[in-house]
Amino acid sequence: MKYAVVTGASKGLGASIAERILQEQFGLISVSRTDNITLKQLAEDNGLFYQHVSCDLTNRSETEQAFSSIAETIFSSTENEVLLVNNAGVVEPIDRAGNLDHEAIEIALQLNLAAPMFTTNLFLQKANGSKLTVVNITSGAAERPVHGWSVYCSTKAALNMFTKTVAVEQNHLGNATVIGYSPGIMDTDMQGVIRSSKEHAFQEVNKFIAYKENGMLRSTKLVADALIDLLRTDEVESGKIYSVNNLLK
């Protein structure tokens, strides 16, 4: 059986990825604080497996418990094919270093970096010969410093290096494919958070306001389709950080 596990699937890019995955006839396990009734109904209409796991991914013990339980289901047979999409993330705190809230830093580190590391590590332990593909949703901010985004840039840069390093390890074992996916600027709640920033905290805020006003934000469906279209090919290179900008050329 084919299973997909998507974090942050209740809305935004995660919901669009999950919807497309269901169209590809994967069973879906949605991991987020709240369920998405549309996804549940779509799965039921198509006779597909669906499970929502309520989980606060900023809580380590809760994350480990949730994914240990998920692993028991999806790795019950070595014939299963498993896709893990580590999509959940947060752009906050947005401010200059020196003004950052320490609790917000810890939340960002846990959600953007530690949670994907935990889930990837656990699934590699439990895969038991199953075909496993891991997609870590990253950002172009991983590759350039952005004023006010020191935490976000750093967590995404670290996630990219984790992705590349795990791929090097797995290339010797041949057990899993691990890639990063940079989705670019999309019309999501995260963009709303960015646009609400103060200019002293984030110098590029007016640029992001213009993206919205000028209709330059891509739909999450377009970005999700580009990812799944890539995964359907035989050309996926483990360890590579793919950008939607290149895929849509």
C-alpha atoms as a PDB file:
ATOM      1  CA  MET A   1       0.000   0.000   0.000  1.00  0.00           C
ATOM      2  CA  LYS A   2       1.073   3.595  -0.609  1.00  0.00           C
ATOM      3  CA  TYR A   3       1.004   5.953   2.377  1.00  0.00           C
ATOM      4  CA  ALA A   4       1.796   9.650   2.656  1.00  0.00           C
ATOM      5  CA  VAL A   5       2.368  11.467   5.917  1.00  0.00           C
ATOM      6  CA  VAL A   6       2.084  15.254   5.691  1.00  0.00           C
ATOM      7  CA  THR A   7       2.719  17.640   8.572  1.00  0.00           C
ATOM      8  CA  GLY A   8       0.815  20.906   8.629  1.00  0.00           C
ATOM      9  CA  ALA A   9      -1.780  19.476   6.246  1.00  0.00           C
ATOM     10  CA  SER A  10      -4.713  21.392   7.700  1.00  0.00           C
ATOM     11  CA  LYS A  11      -4.164  24.451   5.504  1.00  0.00           C
ATOM     12  CA  GLY A  12      -1.912  26.205   3.012  1.00  0.00           C
ATOM     13  CA  LEU A  13       0.698  24.275   1.060  1.00  0.00           C
ATOM     14  CA  GLY A  14       0.305  21.217   3.278  1.00  0.00           C
ATOM     15  CA  ALA A  15      -3.394  20.951   2.448  1.00  0.00           C
ATOM     16  CA  SER A  16      -2.717  21.336  -1.281  1.00  0.00           C
ATOM     17  CA  ILE A  17       0.015  18.687  -1.192  1.00  0.00           C
ATOM     18  CA  ALA A  18      -2.276  16.345   0.738  1.00  0.00           C
ATOM     19  CA  GLU A  19      -5.131  16.855  -1.714  1.00  0.00           C
ATOM     20  CA  ARG A  20      -2.918  16.085  -4.700  1.00  0.00           C
ATOM     21  CA  ILE A  21      -1.507  13.046  -2.913  1.00  0.00           C
ATOM     22  CA  LEU A  22      -5.002  11.666  -2.475  1.00  0.00           C
ATOM     23  CA  GLN A  23      -5.575  12.162  -6.187  1.00  0.00           C
ATOM     24  CA  GLU A  24      -2.510   9.969  -6.727  1.00  0.00           C
ATOM     25  CA  GLN A  25      -4.231   7.203  -4.730  1.00  0.00           C
ATOM     26  CA  PHE A  26      -2.063   7.369  -1.634  1.00  0.00           C
ATOM     27  CA  GLY A  27      -3.518   6.725   1.781  1.00  0.00           C
ATOM     28  CA  LEU A  28      -3.045   9.871   3.836  1.00  0.00           C
ATOM     29  CA  ILE A  29      -2.050  10.554   7.416  1.00  0.00           C
ATOM     30  CA  SER A  30      -2.443  14.225   8.246  1.00  0.00           C
ATOM     31  CA  VAL A  31      -0.444  15.538  11.191  1.00  0.00           C
ATOM     32  CA  SER A  32      -1.455  18.915  12.592  1.00  0.00           C
ATOM     33  CA  ARG A  33      -3.286  20.447  15.505  1.00  0.00           C
ATOM     34  CA  THR A  34      -6.598  20.538  13.626  1.00  0.00           C
ATOM     35  CA  ASP A  35      -8.196  18.248  11.061  1.00  0.00           C
ATOM     36  CA  ASN A  36      -9.090  19.205   7.483  1.00  0.00           C
ATOM     37  CA  ILE A  37     -12.611  17.945   6.793  1.00  0.00           C
ATOM     38  CA  THR A  38     -12.222  18.457   3.032  1.00  0.00           C
ATOM     39  CA  LEU A  39      -9.305  16.024   2.922  1.00  0.00           C
ATOM     40  CA  LYS A  40     -11.199  13.492   5.003  1.00  0.00           C
ATOM     41  CA  GLN A  41     -14.185  13.682   2.675  1.00  0.00           C
ATOM     42  CA  LEU A  42     -12.029  13.411  -0.437  1.00  0.00           C
ATOM     43  CA  ALA A  43     -10.407  10.265   0.927  1.00  0.00           C
ATOM     44  CA  GLU A  44     -13.771   8.743   1.805  1.00  0.00           C
ATOM     45  CA  ASP A  45     -15.193   9.564  -1.628  1.00  0.00           C
ATOM     46  CA  ASN A  46     -12.301   7.729  -3.272  1.00  0.00           C
ATOM     47  CA  GLY A  47     -12.160   4.784  -0.886  1.00  0.00           C
ATOM     48  CA  LEU A  48      -8.742   5.730   0.446  1.00  0.00           C
ATOM     49  CA  PHE A  49      -7.206   5.329   3.877  1.00  0.00           C
ATOM     50  CA  TYR A  50      -7.288   8.542   5.909  1.00  0.00           C
ATOM     51  CA  GLN A  51      -6.192   9.320   9.428  1.00  0.00           C
ATOM     52  CA  HIS A  52      -5.728  12.617  11.191  1.00  0.00           C
ATOM     53  CA  VAL A  53      -3.223  12.678  14.032  1.00  0.00           C
ATOM     54  CA  SER A  54      -3.564  15.689  16.292  1.00  0.00           C
ATOM     55  CA  CYS A  55      -0.085  16.714  17.336  1.00  0.00           C
ATOM     56  CA  ASP A  56       1.726  19.793  18.582  1.00  0.00           C
ATOM     57  CA  LEU A  57       4.967  19.485  16.634  1.00  0.00           C
ATOM     58  CA  THR A  58       6.660  22.002  18.918  1.00  0.00           C
ATOM     59  CA  ASN A  59       6.424  19.405  21.695  1.00  0.00           C
ATOM     60  CA  ARG A  60       9.155  16.807  21.345  1.00  0.00           C
ATOM     61  CA  SER A  61       7.588  14.014  23.381  1.00  0.00           C
ATOM     62  CA  GLU A  62       4.219  14.486  21.677  1.00  0.00           C
ATOM     63  CA  THR A  63       5.895  14.409  18.255  1.00  0.00           C
ATOM     64  CA  GLU A  64       7.856  11.258  19.044  1.00  0.00           C
ATOM     65  CA  GLN A  65       4.782   9.507  20.423  1.00  0.00           C
ATOM     66  CA  ALA A  66       2.638  10.455  17.427  1.00  0.00           C
ATOM     67  CA  PHE A  67       5.169   9.356  14.831  1.00  0.00           C
ATOM     68  CA  SER A  68       6.004   6.125  16.634  1.00  0.00           C
ATOM     69  CA  SER A  69       2.317   5.238  16.397  1.00  0.00           C
ATOM     70  CA  ILE A  70       2.182   6.277  12.735  1.00  0.00           C
ATOM     71  CA  ALA A  71       5.228   4.146  11.961  1.00  0.00           C
ATOM     72  CA  GLU A  72       3.497   1.049  13.307  1.00  0.00           C
ATOM     73  CA  THR A  73       0.770   1.527  10.703  1.00  0.00           C
ATOM     74  CA  ILE A  74       2.734   2.484   7.614  1.00  0.00           C
ATOM     75  CA  PHE A  75       5.661   0.116   8.055  1.00  0.00           C
ATOM     76  CA  SER A  76       3.517  -2.911   8.870  1.00  0.00           C
ATOM     77  CA  SER A  77       4.626  -4.457   5.573  1.00  0.00           C
ATOM     78  CA  THR A  78       7.871  -4.208   3.618  1.00  0.00           C
ATOM     79  CA  GLU A  79       5.705  -3.896   0.501  1.00  0.00           C
ATOM     80  CA  ASN A  80       4.457  -0.485   1.551  1.00  0.00           C
ATOM     81  CA  GLU A  81       5.610   2.700  -0.163  1.00  0.00           C
ATOM     82  CA  VAL A  82       5.887   5.697   2.156  1.00  0.00           C
ATOM     83  CA  LEU A  83       6.151   9.424   1.457  1.00  0.00           C
ATOM     84  CA  LEU A  84       6.914  11.781   4.338  1.00  0.00           C
ATOM     85  CA  VAL A  85       6.443  15.498   3.729  1.00  0.00           C
ATOM     86  CA  ASN A  86       7.830  17.655   6.532  1.00  0.00           C
ATOM     87  CA  ASN A  87       5.866  20.774   5.672  1.00  0.00           C
ATOM     88  CA  ALA A  88       4.926  22.415   8.980  1.00  0.00           C
ATOM     89  CA  GLY A  89       6.944  25.516   9.745  1.00  0.00           C
ATOM     90  CA  VAL A  90       6.908  29.020  11.148  1.00  0.00           C
ATOM     91  CA  VAL A  91       8.556  32.251   9.980  1.00  0.00           C
ATOM     92  CA  GLU A  92       8.457  33.925  13.388  1.00  0.00           C
ATOM     93  CA  PRO A  93      10.206  35.469  15.226  1.00  0.00           C
ATOM     94  CA  ILE A  94      10.638  38.321  12.747  1.00  0.00           C
ATOM     95  CA  ASP A  95      12.981  40.920  14.210  1.00  0.00           C
ATOM     96  CA  ARG A  96      16.622  41.858  14.464  1.00  0.00           C
ATOM     97  CA  ALA A  97      18.941  39.758  16.609  1.00  0.00           C
ATOM     98  CA  GLY A  98      19.066  41.533  19.936  1.00  0.00           C
ATOM     99  CA  ASN A  99      15.295  41.962  19.946  1.00  0.00           C
ATOM    100  CA  LEU A 100      14.313  38.300  19.558  1.00  0.00           C
ATOM    101  CA  ASP A 101      12.037  36.516  21.992  1.00  0.00           C
ATOM    102  CA  HIS A 102      13.775  33.430  23.343  1.00  0.00           C
ATOM    103  CA  GLU A 103      10.634  31.328  23.572  1.00  0.00           C
ATOM    104  CA  ALA A 104       9.857  32.128  19.920  1.00  0.00           C
ATOM    105  CA  ILE A 105      13.377  31.031  18.975  1.00  0.00           C
ATOM    106  CA  GLU A 106      12.846  27.684  20.713  1.00  0.00           C
ATOM    107  CA  ILE A 107       9.502  27.160  18.967  1.00  0.00           C
ATOM    108  CA  ALA A 108      11.032  27.888  15.562  1.00  0.00           C
ATOM    109  CA  LEU A 109      13.948  25.552  16.188  1.00  0.00           C
ATOM    110  CA  GLN A 110      11.608  22.769  17.248  1.00  0.00           C
ATOM    111  CA  LEU A 111       9.085  23.165  14.431  1.00  0.00           C
ATOM    112  CA  ASN A 112      11.363  24.081  11.514  1.00  0.00           C
ATOM    113  CA  LEU A 113      14.319  21.861  12.327  1.00  0.00           C
ATOM    114  CA  ALA A 114      14.043  19.441  15.238  1.00  0.00           C
ATOM    115  CA  ALA A 115      10.651  17.993  14.260  1.00  0.00           C
ATOM    116  CA  PRO A 116      11.741  17.106  10.689  1.00  0.00           C
ATOM    117  CA  MET A 117      14.931  15.597  12.100  1.00  0.00           C
ATOM    118  CA  PHE A 118      12.958  13.514  14.621  1.00  0.00           C
ATOM    119  CA  THR A 119      10.448  12.274  12.062  1.00  0.00           C
ATOM    120  CA  THR A 120      13.069  11.452   9.436  1.00  0.00           C
ATOM    121  CA  ASN A 121      15.249   9.670  11.970  1.00  0.00           C
ATOM    122  CA  LEU A 122      12.341   7.634  13.302  1.00  0.00           C
ATOM    123  CA  PHE A 123      11.080   6.610   9.876  1.00  0.00           C
ATOM    124  CA  LEU A 124      14.571   5.542   8.807  1.00  0.00           C
ATOM    125  CA  GLN A 125      14.723   3.373  11.939  1.00  0.00           C
ATOM    126  CA  LYS A 126      11.342   1.792  11.270  1.00  0.00           C
ATOM    127  CA  ALA A 127      11.317   1.561   7.455  1.00  0.00           C
ATOM    128  CA  ASN A 128      12.148  -2.149   7.503  1.00  0.00           C
ATOM    129  CA  GLY A 129      12.874  -2.338   3.776  1.00  0.00           C
ATOM    130  CA  SER A 130       9.918  -0.221   2.663  1.00  0.00           C
ATOM    131  CA  LYS A 131      10.486   2.352  -0.053  1.00  0.00           C
ATOM    132  CA  LEU A 132      10.761   5.691   1.761  1.00  0.00           C
ATOM    133  CA  THR A 133      10.849   9.184   0.287  1.00  0.00           C
ATOM    134  CA  VAL A 134      11.291  12.214   2.537  1.00  0.00           C
ATOM    135  CA  VAL A 135      10.544  15.751   1.370  1.00  0.00           C
ATOM    136  CA  ASN A 136      11.656  18.579   3.623  1.00  0.00           C
ATOM    137  CA  ILE A 137       9.959  21.869   2.786  1.00  0.00           C
ATOM    138  CA  THR A 138      12.639  24.542   2.891  1.00  0.00           C
ATOM    139  CA  SER A 139      12.983  28.110   1.640  1.00  0.00           C
ATOM    140  CA  GLY A 140      15.121  30.332  -0.535  1.00  0.00           C
ATOM    141  CA  ALA A 141      15.884  32.106   2.745  1.00  0.00           C
ATOM    142  CA  ALA A 142      18.103  29.129   3.565  1.00  0.00           C
ATOM    143  CA  GLU A 143      20.555  30.387   0.981  1.00  0.00           C
ATOM    144  CA  ARG A 144      20.683  34.123   1.671  1.00  0.00           C
ATOM    145  CA  PRO A 145      20.602  36.323   4.770  1.00  0.00           C
ATOM    146  CA  VAL A 146      17.382  38.293   5.145  1.00  0.00           C
ATOM    147  CA  HIS A 147      17.103  41.215   7.556  1.00  0.00           C
ATOM    148  CA  GLY A 148      14.809  40.221  10.414  1.00  0.00           C
ATOM    149  CA  TRP A 149      14.790  36.529   9.515  1.00  0.00           C
ATOM    150  CA  SER A 150      17.925  35.314  11.294  1.00  0.00           C
ATOM    151  CA  VAL A 151      16.051  32.466  12.970  1.00  0.00           C
ATOM    152  CA  TYR A 152      14.060  31.426   9.903  1.00  0.00           C
ATOM    153  CA  CYS A 153      17.097  31.595   7.595  1.00  0.00           C
ATOM    154  CA  SER A 154      19.187  29.617  10.068  1.00  0.00           C
ATOM    155  CA  THR A 155      16.646  26.856  10.661  1.00  0.00           C
ATOM    156  CA  LYS A 156      16.037  26.374   6.948  1.00  0.00           C
ATOM    157  CA  ALA A 157      19.764  26.391   6.163  1.00  0.00           C
ATOM    158  CA  ALA A 158      20.278  23.744   8.820  1.00  0.00           C
ATOM    159  CA  LEU A 159      17.387  21.709   7.401  1.00  0.00           C
ATOM    160  CA  ASN A 160      19.017  21.821   3.970  1.00  0.00           C
ATOM    161  CA  MET A 161      22.292  20.502   5.365  1.00  0.00           C
ATOM    162  CA  PHE A 162      20.470  17.780   7.278  1.00  0.00           C
ATOM    163  CA  THR A 163      18.722  16.775   4.044  1.00  0.00           C
ATOM    164  CA  LYS A 164      21.971  16.621   2.088  1.00  0.00           C
ATOM    165  CA  THR A 165      23.821  14.728   4.810  1.00  0.00           C
ATOM    166  CA  VAL A 166      21.116  12.108   5.280  1.00  0.00           C
ATOM    167  CA  ALA A 167      21.074  11.592   1.513  1.00  0.00           C
ATOM    168  CA  VAL A 168      24.829  10.936   1.528  1.00  0.00           C
ATOM    169  CA  GLU A 169      24.333   8.342   4.245  1.00  0.00           C
ATOM    170  CA  GLN A 170      21.374   6.720   2.510  1.00  0.00           C
ATOM    171  CA  ASN A 171      23.135   6.591  -0.855  1.00  0.00           C
ATOM    172  CA  HIS A 172      25.439   3.994   0.674  1.00  0.00           C
ATOM    173  CA  LEU A 173      22.498   2.002   2.002  1.00  0.00           C
ATOM    174  CA  GLY A 174      20.052   2.473  -0.873  1.00  0.00           C
ATOM    175  CA  ASN A 175      17.056   2.589   1.456  1.00  0.00           C
ATOM    176  CA  ALA A 176      15.606   6.089   1.156  1.00  0.00           C
ATOM    177  CA  THR A 177      15.411   9.187  -1.012  1.00  0.00           C
ATOM    178  CA  VAL A 178      15.617  12.516   0.825  1.00  0.00           C
ATOM    179  CA  ILE A 179      15.148  15.889  -0.882  1.00  0.00           C
ATOM    180  CA  GLY A 180      14.403  19.503  -0.055  1.00  0.00           C
ATOM    181  CA  TYR A 181      11.753  21.587  -1.775  1.00  0.00           C
ATOM    182  CA  SER A 182      11.742  25.372  -1.828  1.00  0.00           C
ATOM    183  CA  PRO A 183       8.193  26.523  -2.659  1.00  0.00           C
ATOM    184  CA  GLY A 184       8.870  30.198  -3.270  1.00  0.00           C
ATOM    185  CA  ILE A 185       6.350  32.929  -2.454  1.00  0.00           C
ATOM    186  CA  MET A 186       2.778  31.669  -2.108  1.00  0.00           C
ATOM    187  CA  ASP A 187      -0.544  33.087  -1.038  1.00  0.00           C
ATOM    188  CA  THR A 188      -0.638  31.638   2.485  1.00  0.00           C
ATOM    189  CA  ASP A 189      -1.202  32.675   6.077  1.00  0.00           C
ATOM    190  CA  MET A 190       2.580  32.875   6.492  1.00  0.00           C
ATOM    191  CA  GLN A 191       2.677  35.623   3.889  1.00  0.00           C
ATOM    192  CA  GLY A 192       0.075  37.488   5.914  1.00  0.00           C
ATOM    193  CA  VAL A 193       2.310  37.268   8.965  1.00  0.00           C
ATOM    194  CA  ILE A 194       5.238  38.604   6.942  1.00  0.00           C
ATOM    195  CA  ARG A 195       3.230  41.539   5.561  1.00  0.00           C
ATOM    196  CA  SER A 196       2.137  42.512   9.066  1.00  0.00           C
ATOM    197  CA  SER A 197       5.746  43.016  10.167  1.00  0.00           C
ATOM    198  CA  LYS A 198       7.115  46.436  11.069  1.00  0.00           C
ATOM    199  CA  GLU A 199       9.778  47.835   8.744  1.00  0.00           C
ATOM    200  CA  HIS A 200      12.289  48.296  11.575  1.00  0.00           C
ATOM    201  CA  ALA A 201      11.997  44.542  12.241  1.00  0.00           C
ATOM    202  CA  PHE A 202      11.909  43.432   8.592  1.00  0.00           C
ATOM    203  CA  GLN A 203      13.324  45.799   5.985  1.00  0.00           C
ATOM    204  CA  GLU A 204      11.756  43.983   3.010  1.00  0.00           C
ATOM    205  CA  VAL A 205       8.171  44.191   4.270  1.00  0.00           C
ATOM    206  CA  ASN A 206       7.071  46.628   1.542  1.00  0.00           C
ATOM    207  CA  LYS A 207       8.375  44.260  -1.116  1.00  0.00           C
ATOM    208  CA  PHE A 208       6.178  41.495   0.263  1.00  0.00           C
ATOM    209  CA  ILE A 209       3.184  43.792   0.466  1.00  0.00           C
ATOM    210  CA  ALA A 210       3.744  44.556  -3.233  1.00  0.00           C
ATOM    211  CA  TYR A 211       3.866  40.834  -4.052  1.00  0.00           C
ATOM    212  CA  LYS A 212       0.304  40.530  -2.757  1.00  0.00           C
ATOM    213  CA  GLU A 213      -0.984  43.752  -4.273  1.00  0.00           C
ATOM    214  CA  ASN A 214       0.476  42.938  -7.691  1.00  0.00           C
ATOM    215  CA  GLY A 215      -0.800  39.359  -7.781  1.00  0.00           C
ATOM    216  CA  MET A 216       2.692  37.849  -7.677  1.00  0.00           C
ATOM    217  CA  LEU A 217       1.964  35.152  -5.106  1.00  0.00           C
ATOM    218  CA  ARG A 218       1.570  31.660  -6.547  1.00  0.00           C
ATOM    219  CA  SER A 219      -1.317  29.454  -5.501  1.00  0.00           C
ATOM    220  CA  THR A 220      -0.473  26.603  -3.166  1.00  0.00           C
ATOM    221  CA  LYS A 221      -2.073  24.222  -5.665  1.00  0.00           C
ATOM    222  CA  LEU A 222       0.395  25.211  -8.376  1.00  0.00           C
ATOM    223  CA  VAL A 223       3.328  24.737  -6.029  1.00  0.00           C
ATOM    224  CA  ALA A 224       2.007  21.409  -4.720  1.00  0.00           C
ATOM    225  CA  ASP A 225       1.414  20.097  -8.236  1.00  0.00           C
ATOM    226  CA  ALA A 226       5.000  20.949  -9.213  1.00  0.00           C
ATOM    227  CA  LEU A 227       6.308  18.885  -6.291  1.00  0.00           C
ATOM    228  CA  ILE A 228       4.134  15.846  -6.924  1.00  0.00           C
ATOM    229  CA  ASP A 229       4.826  15.976 -10.664  1.00  0.00           C
ATOM    230  CA  LEU A 230       8.534  15.827  -9.789  1.00  0.00           C
ATOM    231  CA  LEU A 231       8.052  12.886  -7.456  1.00  0.00           C
ATOM    232  CA  ARG A 232       6.181  10.981 -10.154  1.00  0.00           C
ATOM    233  CA  THR A 233       9.268  11.006 -12.393  1.00  0.00           C
ATOM    234  CA  ASP A 234      12.282   8.723 -12.168  1.00  0.00           C
ATOM    235  CA  GLU A 235      14.612  11.719 -12.101  1.00  0.00           C
ATOM    236  CA  VAL A 236      14.516  12.618  -8.411  1.00  0.00           C
ATOM    237  CA  GLU A 237      18.050  13.096  -7.101  1.00  0.00           C
ATOM    238  CA  SER A 238      18.456  12.300  -3.429  1.00  0.00           C
ATOM    239  CA  GLY A 239      20.098  15.138  -1.524  1.00  0.00           C
ATOM    240  CA  LYS A 240      19.087  17.821  -4.002  1.00  0.00           C
ATOM    241  CA  ILE A 241      17.291  20.978  -2.920  1.00  0.00           C
ATOM    242  CA  TYR A 242      14.680  21.601  -5.602  1.00  0.00           C
ATOM    243  CA  SER A 243      13.196  25.032  -6.244  1.00  0.00           C
ATOM    244  CA  VAL A 244       9.704  25.549  -7.614  1.00  0.00           C
ATOM    245  CA  ASN A 245      11.142  28.381  -9.707  1.00  0.00           C
ATOM    246  CA  ASN A 246      13.192  25.862 -11.689  1.00  0.00           C
ATOM    247  CA  LEU A 247      10.444  23.257 -11.902  1.00  0.00           C
ATOM    248  CA  LEU A 248       7.963  25.723 -13.398  1.00  0.00           C
ATOM    249  CA  LYS A 249      10.297  27.063 -16.089  1.00  0.00           C
END
